[in-house]
Amino acid sequence: MQNHISLTHIADRTSVDSTRMELLAEIDHCGSLLRAAKRLSISYEVAWNAVHAMNNVSAHPLVICSVQDSVRGASMQLSPLGRQLLYVWRCSQNAYQRYLTQTTLGIDNIDQIHRLLLTINMKSSARNQLRGTINSIHHGPVNGEVRLDIGNNMYLSATITNEAIEDLQLQEGKDALAIIKASFIILSPDDNIRMSTRNRLTGTIIKLIPGTIHSELKLELPGGKILTAVVTCESIKEFSFAPGQPCTAYIKASDIIISAN
């Protein structure tokens, strides 16, 4: 039974955003964005933004808004292309479920493996991707703070909009990915300097790749995670950075992007 639950959960999380496809299905069923959002337990604003995002990436609109009602919300219907897309998605979900049932018999941790596959296959220009578990979420008027436990008593705090928190369906205990550009990381041999950055990770320099203006440093964190930073050659000389040297990475909370499968 446990394996069956996991397979169903995985089938709902293919490379296509299932929440948005479910939104298309509810719009097709209800004819109302407000009712569709309520049935999916998401806010009207998140649903509205999702519709615009889907229309923006399509050569022709997937959803057509016919009437705007202040009480009942936008009256919407799927375009012929939108209905074709929904039909293909439903067929792919059914086929994917059958495939999983046939190929994952005897694998108890299939959900964990699926999440790992999604993470490995994700492409990004950012050099650093650190997976962890959401430890806490604190909401402010506009932005919220998401605290991620990345293991070995290391935590990362990211500042993202409340809308993004809701859109990504972030919650405590859920796995998430912290994405950090190498150029956003400040390095120092001193782990006690006073800085406004919320995050500091201490490790050991294991590799230095010299360049003409900038050099690349690889920092090994406790547990074996590797953090890549790009710093000026002038800083390399000033701080005498070299392999084997302890070093602390300072990262602003606003410079961390959170991704969730």
C-alpha atoms as a PDB file:
ATOM      1  CA  MET A   1       0.000   0.000   0.000  1.00  0.00           C
ATOM      2  CA  GLN A   2       2.820   2.395   0.886  1.00  0.00           C
ATOM      3  CA  ASN A   3       4.456   1.876  -2.504  1.00  0.00           C
ATOM      4  CA  HIS A   4       1.111   2.527  -4.243  1.00  0.00           C
ATOM      5  CA  ILE A   5       0.759   5.874  -2.417  1.00  0.00           C
ATOM      6  CA  SER A   6       4.271   6.879  -3.419  1.00  0.00           C
ATOM      7  CA  LEU A   7       3.668   5.984  -7.052  1.00  0.00           C
ATOM      8  CA  THR A   8       0.514   8.078  -7.157  1.00  0.00           C
ATOM      9  CA  HIS A   9       2.396  10.971  -5.575  1.00  0.00           C
ATOM     10  CA  ILE A  10       5.177  10.680  -8.147  1.00  0.00           C
ATOM     11  CA  ALA A  11       2.774  10.488 -11.068  1.00  0.00           C
ATOM     12  CA  ASP A  12       1.441  13.877 -10.007  1.00  0.00           C
ATOM     13  CA  ARG A  13       4.927  15.397 -10.146  1.00  0.00           C
ATOM     14  CA  THR A  14       6.232  14.808 -13.638  1.00  0.00           C
ATOM     15  CA  SER A  15       8.426  17.347 -15.439  1.00  0.00           C
ATOM     16  CA  VAL A  16       5.212  19.202 -16.396  1.00  0.00           C
ATOM     17  CA  ASP A  17       3.902  21.389 -13.560  1.00  0.00           C
ATOM     18  CA  SER A  18       0.927  19.293 -12.409  1.00  0.00           C
ATOM     19  CA  THR A  19      -0.604  22.143 -10.370  1.00  0.00           C
ATOM     20  CA  ARG A  20      -0.933  24.317 -13.460  1.00  0.00           C
ATOM     21  CA  MET A  21      -2.321  21.455 -15.500  1.00  0.00           C
ATOM     22  CA  GLU A  22      -4.823  20.725 -12.742  1.00  0.00           C
ATOM     23  CA  LEU A  23      -5.749  24.406 -12.870  1.00  0.00           C
ATOM     24  CA  LEU A  24      -6.472  24.068 -16.596  1.00  0.00           C
ATOM     25  CA  ALA A  25      -8.644  21.036 -15.837  1.00  0.00           C
ATOM     26  CA  GLU A  26     -10.609  22.908 -13.172  1.00  0.00           C
ATOM     27  CA  ILE A  27     -11.073  25.947 -15.427  1.00  0.00           C
ATOM     28  CA  ASP A  28     -12.381  23.639 -18.135  1.00  0.00           C
ATOM     29  CA  HIS A  29     -14.756  22.080 -15.600  1.00  0.00           C
ATOM     30  CA  CYS A  30     -15.915  25.222 -13.753  1.00  0.00           C
ATOM     31  CA  GLY A  31     -15.586  27.976 -16.330  1.00  0.00           C
ATOM     32  CA  SER A  32     -14.500  30.244 -13.469  1.00  0.00           C
ATOM     33  CA  LEU A  33     -10.991  31.059 -12.280  1.00  0.00           C
ATOM     34  CA  LEU A  34     -12.211  31.823  -8.759  1.00  0.00           C
ATOM     35  CA  ARG A  35     -13.983  28.479  -8.361  1.00  0.00           C
ATOM     36  CA  ALA A  36     -11.041  26.645  -9.941  1.00  0.00           C
ATOM     37  CA  ALA A  37      -8.640  28.278  -7.469  1.00  0.00           C
ATOM     38  CA  LYS A  38     -10.868  27.371  -4.502  1.00  0.00           C
ATOM     39  CA  ARG A  39     -11.116  23.738  -5.620  1.00  0.00           C
ATOM     40  CA  LEU A  40      -7.304  23.563  -5.732  1.00  0.00           C
ATOM     41  CA  SER A  41      -6.899  25.460  -2.431  1.00  0.00           C
ATOM     42  CA  ILE A  42      -4.739  28.170  -3.993  1.00  0.00           C
ATOM     43  CA  SER A  43      -5.255  31.919  -3.957  1.00  0.00           C
ATOM     44  CA  TYR A  44      -7.010  33.722  -6.796  1.00  0.00           C
ATOM     45  CA  GLU A  45      -3.852  35.775  -7.412  1.00  0.00           C
ATOM     46  CA  VAL A  46      -1.655  32.683  -7.739  1.00  0.00           C
ATOM     47  CA  ALA A  47      -4.166  31.145 -10.153  1.00  0.00           C
ATOM     48  CA  TRP A  48      -4.360  34.364 -12.178  1.00  0.00           C
ATOM     49  CA  ASN A  49      -0.548  34.582 -12.406  1.00  0.00           C
ATOM     50  CA  ALA A  50      -0.359  30.921 -13.444  1.00  0.00           C
ATOM     51  CA  VAL A  51      -2.824  31.502 -16.288  1.00  0.00           C
ATOM     52  CA  HIS A  52      -0.789  34.464 -17.529  1.00  0.00           C
ATOM     53  CA  ALA A  53       2.465  32.499 -17.227  1.00  0.00           C
ATOM     54  CA  MET A  54       1.040  29.639 -19.311  1.00  0.00           C
ATOM     55  CA  ASN A  55      -0.328  32.006 -21.950  1.00  0.00           C
ATOM     56  CA  ASN A  56       3.009  33.839 -22.089  1.00  0.00           C
ATOM     57  CA  VAL A  57       4.979  30.725 -23.046  1.00  0.00           C
ATOM     58  CA  SER A  58       2.482  29.583 -25.681  1.00  0.00           C
ATOM     59  CA  ALA A  59       2.352  30.817 -29.266  1.00  0.00           C
ATOM     60  CA  HIS A  60      -1.459  30.936 -28.908  1.00  0.00           C
ATOM     61  CA  PRO A  61      -3.490  31.446 -25.689  1.00  0.00           C
ATOM     62  CA  LEU A  62      -4.315  28.314 -23.714  1.00  0.00           C
ATOM     63  CA  VAL A  63      -6.947  30.094 -21.621  1.00  0.00           C
ATOM     64  CA  ILE A  64      -9.399  32.715 -22.862  1.00  0.00           C
ATOM     65  CA  CYS A  65     -10.926  35.235 -20.447  1.00  0.00           C
ATOM     66  CA  SER A  66     -14.414  36.204 -21.596  1.00  0.00           C
ATOM     67  CA  VAL A  67     -15.875  38.155 -18.646  1.00  0.00           C
ATOM     68  CA  GLN A  68     -14.373  39.839 -15.584  1.00  0.00           C
ATOM     69  CA  ASP A  69     -16.731  39.670 -12.583  1.00  0.00           C
ATOM     70  CA  SER A  70     -15.723  41.351  -9.301  1.00  0.00           C
ATOM     71  CA  VAL A  71     -17.686  38.782  -7.298  1.00  0.00           C
ATOM     72  CA  ARG A  72     -17.224  35.532  -9.169  1.00  0.00           C
ATOM     73  CA  GLY A  73     -13.816  36.370 -10.644  1.00  0.00           C
ATOM     74  CA  ALA A  74     -12.786  35.933 -14.238  1.00  0.00           C
ATOM     75  CA  SER A  75     -14.986  33.794 -16.452  1.00  0.00           C
ATOM     76  CA  MET A  76     -12.588  31.636 -18.434  1.00  0.00           C
ATOM     77  CA  GLN A  77     -12.530  28.782 -20.878  1.00  0.00           C
ATOM     78  CA  LEU A  78      -9.822  26.744 -22.529  1.00  0.00           C
ATOM     79  CA  SER A  79      -8.909  27.421 -26.115  1.00  0.00           C
ATOM     80  CA  PRO A  80      -8.770  24.477 -28.558  1.00  0.00           C
ATOM     81  CA  LEU A  81      -4.998  24.388 -27.985  1.00  0.00           C
ATOM     82  CA  GLY A  82      -5.560  24.416 -24.227  1.00  0.00           C
ATOM     83  CA  ARG A  83      -7.905  21.433 -24.447  1.00  0.00           C
ATOM     84  CA  GLN A  84      -5.428  19.563 -26.639  1.00  0.00           C
ATOM     85  CA  LEU A  85      -2.666  20.231 -24.121  1.00  0.00           C
ATOM     86  CA  LEU A  86      -4.855  19.030 -21.244  1.00  0.00           C
ATOM     87  CA  TYR A  87      -5.780  15.862 -23.153  1.00  0.00           C
ATOM     88  CA  VAL A  88      -2.137  15.033 -23.902  1.00  0.00           C
ATOM     89  CA  TRP A  89      -1.157  15.669 -20.268  1.00  0.00           C
ATOM     90  CA  ARG A  90      -3.866  13.331 -18.985  1.00  0.00           C
ATOM     91  CA  CYS A  91      -2.762  10.622 -21.408  1.00  0.00           C
ATOM     92  CA  SER A  92       0.870  11.047 -20.364  1.00  0.00           C
ATOM     93  CA  GLN A  93      -0.101  10.848 -16.666  1.00  0.00           C
ATOM     94  CA  ASN A  94      -1.935   7.565 -17.253  1.00  0.00           C
ATOM     95  CA  ALA A  95       0.949   6.155 -19.269  1.00  0.00           C
ATOM     96  CA  TYR A  96       3.461   7.312 -16.665  1.00  0.00           C
ATOM     97  CA  GLN A  97       1.470   5.665 -13.861  1.00  0.00           C
ATOM     98  CA  ARG A  98       1.421   2.353 -15.743  1.00  0.00           C
ATOM     99  CA  TYR A  99       5.152   2.632 -16.430  1.00  0.00           C
ATOM    100  CA  LEU A 100       5.956   3.318 -12.765  1.00  0.00           C
ATOM    101  CA  THR A 101       3.829   0.400 -11.616  1.00  0.00           C
ATOM    102  CA  GLN A 102       5.716  -1.967 -13.925  1.00  0.00           C
ATOM    103  CA  THR A 103       9.250  -0.715 -13.284  1.00  0.00           C
ATOM    104  CA  THR A 104       9.362   0.135  -9.572  1.00  0.00           C
ATOM    105  CA  LEU A 105       8.191  -3.083  -7.957  1.00  0.00           C
ATOM    106  CA  GLY A 106      10.368  -3.864  -4.957  1.00  0.00           C
ATOM    107  CA  ILE A 107      11.816  -0.335  -4.660  1.00  0.00           C
ATOM    108  CA  ASP A 108      10.763   1.120  -1.310  1.00  0.00           C
ATOM    109  CA  ASN A 109      12.376   4.575  -1.611  1.00  0.00           C
ATOM    110  CA  ILE A 110      11.064   5.370  -5.091  1.00  0.00           C
ATOM    111  CA  ASP A 111       9.816   8.843  -4.069  1.00  0.00           C
ATOM    112  CA  GLN A 112      13.282   9.836  -2.857  1.00  0.00           C
ATOM    113  CA  ILE A 113      14.852   8.514  -6.067  1.00  0.00           C
ATOM    114  CA  HIS A 114      12.348  10.455  -8.177  1.00  0.00           C
ATOM    115  CA  ARG A 115      13.132  13.733  -6.379  1.00  0.00           C
ATOM    116  CA  LEU A 116      16.837  13.106  -6.882  1.00  0.00           C
ATOM    117  CA  LEU A 117      16.331  12.509 -10.605  1.00  0.00           C
ATOM    118  CA  LEU A 118      14.432  15.774 -10.946  1.00  0.00           C
ATOM    119  CA  THR A 119      17.206  17.644  -9.131  1.00  0.00           C
ATOM    120  CA  ILE A 120      20.012  16.069 -11.160  1.00  0.00           C
ATOM    121  CA  ASN A 121      18.263  16.794 -14.454  1.00  0.00           C
ATOM    122  CA  MET A 122      17.503  20.431 -13.603  1.00  0.00           C
ATOM    123  CA  LYS A 123      19.682  22.800 -15.622  1.00  0.00           C
ATOM    124  CA  SER A 124      20.749  26.175 -14.272  1.00  0.00           C
ATOM    125  CA  SER A 125      23.528  28.673 -14.909  1.00  0.00           C
ATOM    126  CA  ALA A 126      24.052  28.948 -11.141  1.00  0.00           C
ATOM    127  CA  ARG A 127      27.056  26.914  -9.996  1.00  0.00           C
ATOM    128  CA  ASN A 128      25.696  26.010  -6.560  1.00  0.00           C
ATOM    129  CA  GLN A 129      22.640  23.875  -5.845  1.00  0.00           C
ATOM    130  CA  LEU A 130      22.245  22.668  -2.267  1.00  0.00           C
ATOM    131  CA  ARG A 131      19.357  20.416  -1.311  1.00  0.00           C
ATOM    132  CA  GLY A 132      17.846  20.530   2.149  1.00  0.00           C
ATOM    133  CA  THR A 133      14.683  20.405   4.208  1.00  0.00           C
ATOM    134  CA  ILE A 134      12.632  23.485   5.062  1.00  0.00           C
ATOM    135  CA  ASN A 135      13.144  24.125   8.768  1.00  0.00           C
ATOM    136  CA  SER A 136      10.901  27.173   9.151  1.00  0.00           C
ATOM    137  CA  ILE A 137       8.987  29.811   7.195  1.00  0.00           C
ATOM    138  CA  HIS A 138       8.323  33.323   8.482  1.00  0.00           C
ATOM    139  CA  HIS A 139       6.027  35.681   6.569  1.00  0.00           C
ATOM    140  CA  GLY A 140       6.436  39.455   6.410  1.00  0.00           C
ATOM    141  CA  PRO A 141       4.210  42.081   4.759  1.00  0.00           C
ATOM    142  CA  VAL A 142       5.676  41.371   1.291  1.00  0.00           C
ATOM    143  CA  ASN A 143       8.559  38.929   1.660  1.00  0.00           C
ATOM    144  CA  GLY A 144       9.064  35.821   3.730  1.00  0.00           C
ATOM    145  CA  GLU A 145      12.115  34.059   5.088  1.00  0.00           C
ATOM    146  CA  VAL A 146      12.626  30.386   4.302  1.00  0.00           C
ATOM    147  CA  ARG A 147      15.177  28.563   6.451  1.00  0.00           C
ATOM    148  CA  LEU A 148      16.672  25.452   4.893  1.00  0.00           C
ATOM    149  CA  ASP A 149      18.456  22.697   6.821  1.00  0.00           C
ATOM    150  CA  ILE A 150      21.185  21.410   4.477  1.00  0.00           C
ATOM    151  CA  GLY A 151      22.617  18.917   6.974  1.00  0.00           C
ATOM    152  CA  ASN A 152      25.602  18.754   9.340  1.00  0.00           C
ATOM    153  CA  ASN A 153      24.252  21.651  11.448  1.00  0.00           C
ATOM    154  CA  MET A 154      24.288  23.989   8.447  1.00  0.00           C
ATOM    155  CA  TYR A 155      21.370  26.243   7.554  1.00  0.00           C
ATOM    156  CA  LEU A 156      20.577  28.697   4.776  1.00  0.00           C
ATOM    157  CA  SER A 157      18.061  31.519   5.045  1.00  0.00           C
ATOM    158  CA  ALA A 158      16.510  32.837   1.852  1.00  0.00           C
ATOM    159  CA  THR A 159      14.310  35.893   1.427  1.00  0.00           C
ATOM    160  CA  ILE A 160      11.617  35.393  -1.210  1.00  0.00           C
ATOM    161  CA  THR A 161       8.175  36.897  -1.826  1.00  0.00           C
ATOM    162  CA  ASN A 162       5.124  35.549  -0.033  1.00  0.00           C
ATOM    163  CA  GLU A 163       3.634  34.957  -3.471  1.00  0.00           C
ATOM    164  CA  ALA A 164       6.573  32.701  -4.377  1.00  0.00           C
ATOM    165  CA  ILE A 165       6.192  30.781  -1.108  1.00  0.00           C
ATOM    166  CA  GLU A 166       2.559  30.092  -1.943  1.00  0.00           C
ATOM    167  CA  ASP A 167       3.193  29.393  -5.624  1.00  0.00           C
ATOM    168  CA  LEU A 168       5.918  26.843  -4.769  1.00  0.00           C
ATOM    169  CA  GLN A 169       3.693  25.395  -2.021  1.00  0.00           C
ATOM    170  CA  LEU A 170       6.556  25.603   0.457  1.00  0.00           C
ATOM    171  CA  GLN A 171       5.976  24.236   3.929  1.00  0.00           C
ATOM    172  CA  GLU A 172       8.012  23.021   6.892  1.00  0.00           C
ATOM    173  CA  GLY A 173       9.419  19.537   6.395  1.00  0.00           C
ATOM    174  CA  LYS A 174       9.321  19.763   2.595  1.00  0.00           C
ATOM    175  CA  ASP A 175      12.489  19.293   0.553  1.00  0.00           C
ATOM    176  CA  ALA A 176      13.753  22.297  -1.392  1.00  0.00           C
ATOM    177  CA  LEU A 177      16.787  23.417  -3.347  1.00  0.00           C
ATOM    178  CA  ALA A 178      18.896  26.495  -2.633  1.00  0.00           C
ATOM    179  CA  ILE A 179      20.402  27.930  -5.824  1.00  0.00           C
ATOM    180  CA  ILE A 180      23.302  30.366  -5.468  1.00  0.00           C
ATOM    181  CA  LYS A 181      25.394  32.050  -8.150  1.00  0.00           C
ATOM    182  CA  ALA A 182      29.138  31.713  -7.570  1.00  0.00           C
ATOM    183  CA  SER A 183      29.603  35.484  -7.928  1.00  0.00           C
ATOM    184  CA  PHE A 184      27.175  36.132  -5.040  1.00  0.00           C
ATOM    185  CA  ILE A 185      29.430  34.424  -2.484  1.00  0.00           C
ATOM    186  CA  ILE A 186      31.832  36.475  -0.360  1.00  0.00           C
ATOM    187  CA  LEU A 187      34.821  34.574   1.019  1.00  0.00           C
ATOM    188  CA  SER A 188      36.937  35.358   4.056  1.00  0.00           C
ATOM    189  CA  PRO A 189      39.504  33.443   6.125  1.00  0.00           C
ATOM    190  CA  ASP A 190      37.834  34.965   9.206  1.00  0.00           C
ATOM    191  CA  ASP A 191      34.622  33.297  10.367  1.00  0.00           C
ATOM    192  CA  ASN A 192      33.872  35.963  12.968  1.00  0.00           C
ATOM    193  CA  ILE A 193      33.739  39.174  10.958  1.00  0.00           C
ATOM    194  CA  ARG A 194      30.609  41.275  11.383  1.00  0.00           C
ATOM    195  CA  MET A 195      28.553  41.404   8.179  1.00  0.00           C
ATOM    196  CA  SER A 196      24.915  42.030   7.334  1.00  0.00           C
ATOM    197  CA  THR A 197      24.711  38.723   5.438  1.00  0.00           C
ATOM    198  CA  ARG A 198      22.379  36.179   7.060  1.00  0.00           C
ATOM    199  CA  ASN A 199      24.291  33.098   5.947  1.00  0.00           C
ATOM    200  CA  ARG A 200      27.789  31.865   6.669  1.00  0.00           C
ATOM    201  CA  LEU A 201      29.163  28.435   5.782  1.00  0.00           C
ATOM    202  CA  THR A 202      32.662  27.408   6.900  1.00  0.00           C
ATOM    203  CA  GLY A 203      34.738  24.810   5.100  1.00  0.00           C
ATOM    204  CA  THR A 204      38.108  24.117   3.555  1.00  0.00           C
ATOM    205  CA  ILE A 205      39.415  25.290   0.193  1.00  0.00           C
ATOM    206  CA  ILE A 206      40.095  22.210  -1.916  1.00  0.00           C
ATOM    207  CA  LYS A 207      40.734  23.776  -5.327  1.00  0.00           C
ATOM    208  CA  LEU A 208      41.754  27.102  -6.821  1.00  0.00           C
ATOM    209  CA  ILE A 209      41.410  27.737 -10.540  1.00  0.00           C
ATOM    210  CA  PRO A 210      43.307  30.949 -11.374  1.00  0.00           C
ATOM    211  CA  GLY A 211      42.075  33.368 -14.014  1.00  0.00           C
ATOM    212  CA  THR A 212      43.164  36.701 -15.439  1.00  0.00           C
ATOM    213  CA  ILE A 213      40.772  38.921 -13.471  1.00  0.00           C
ATOM    214  CA  HIS A 214      38.699  36.446 -11.460  1.00  0.00           C
ATOM    215  CA  SER A 215      39.559  33.064  -9.988  1.00  0.00           C
ATOM    216  CA  GLU A 216      37.343  30.158  -8.984  1.00  0.00           C
ATOM    217  CA  LEU A 217      37.515  28.640  -5.530  1.00  0.00           C
ATOM    218  CA  LYS A 218      35.937  25.382  -4.417  1.00  0.00           C
ATOM    219  CA  LEU A 219      35.080  25.089  -0.754  1.00  0.00           C
ATOM    220  CA  GLU A 220      34.371  21.687   0.815  1.00  0.00           C
ATOM    221  CA  LEU A 221      31.728  21.960   3.538  1.00  0.00           C
ATOM    222  CA  PRO A 222      31.125  19.474   6.371  1.00  0.00           C
ATOM    223  CA  GLY A 223      29.517  16.344   4.960  1.00  0.00           C
ATOM    224  CA  GLY A 224      31.261  16.697   1.598  1.00  0.00           C
ATOM    225  CA  LYS A 225      29.089  19.344  -0.080  1.00  0.00           C
ATOM    226  CA  ILE A 226      31.064  21.609  -2.438  1.00  0.00           C
ATOM    227  CA  LEU A 227      30.490  25.345  -2.721  1.00  0.00           C
ATOM    228  CA  THR A 228      31.915  27.224  -5.719  1.00  0.00           C
ATOM    229  CA  ALA A 229      32.793  30.914  -5.494  1.00  0.00           C
ATOM    230  CA  VAL A 230      34.217  33.381  -7.995  1.00  0.00           C
ATOM    231  CA  VAL A 231      36.467  36.087  -6.503  1.00  0.00           C
ATOM    232  CA  THR A 232      38.902  38.626  -7.895  1.00  0.00           C
ATOM    233  CA  CYS A 233      42.549  37.687  -8.302  1.00  0.00           C
ATOM    234  CA  GLU A 234      43.325  40.700  -6.126  1.00  0.00           C
ATOM    235  CA  SER A 235      41.349  39.118  -3.279  1.00  0.00           C
ATOM    236  CA  ILE A 236      43.207  35.830  -3.772  1.00  0.00           C
ATOM    237  CA  LYS A 237      46.519  37.625  -3.158  1.00  0.00           C
ATOM    238  CA  GLU A 238      45.199  39.817  -0.349  1.00  0.00           C
ATOM    239  CA  PHE A 239      43.857  36.904   1.710  1.00  0.00           C
ATOM    240  CA  SER A 240      46.437  34.326   0.511  1.00  0.00           C
ATOM    241  CA  PHE A 241      43.697  31.883  -0.410  1.00  0.00           C
ATOM    242  CA  ALA A 242      45.145  28.442  -1.101  1.00  0.00           C
ATOM    243  CA  PRO A 243      44.036  24.782  -1.030  1.00  0.00           C
ATOM    244  CA  GLY A 244      43.895  23.386   2.491  1.00  0.00           C
ATOM    245  CA  GLN A 245      43.055  26.761   4.059  1.00  0.00           C
ATOM    246  CA  PRO A 246      39.909  27.135   6.229  1.00  0.00           C
ATOM    247  CA  CYS A 247      37.504  29.626   4.736  1.00  0.00           C
ATOM    248  CA  THR A 248      34.024  31.015   5.381  1.00  0.00           C
ATOM    249  CA  ALA A 249      31.453  31.820   2.722  1.00  0.00           C
ATOM    250  CA  TYR A 250      29.064  34.712   3.403  1.00  0.00           C
ATOM    251  CA  ILE A 251      25.814  34.807   1.421  1.00  0.00           C
ATOM    252  CA  LYS A 252      22.954  37.318   1.506  1.00  0.00           C
ATOM    253  CA  ALA A 253      19.501  35.856   2.054  1.00  0.00           C
ATOM    254  CA  SER A 254      18.231  37.852  -0.920  1.00  0.00           C
ATOM    255  CA  ASP A 255      20.834  36.214  -3.187  1.00  0.00           C
ATOM    256  CA  ILE A 256      19.475  32.704  -2.672  1.00  0.00           C
ATOM    257  CA  ILE A 257      16.851  31.299  -5.030  1.00  0.00           C
ATOM    258  CA  ILE A 258      14.589  28.556  -3.691  1.00  0.00           C
ATOM    259  CA  SER A 259      13.310  25.792  -5.953  1.00  0.00           C
ATOM    260  CA  ALA A 260      10.942  22.975  -5.027  1.00  0.00           C
ATOM    261  CA  ASN A 261       9.899  19.878  -6.984  1.00  0.00           C
END
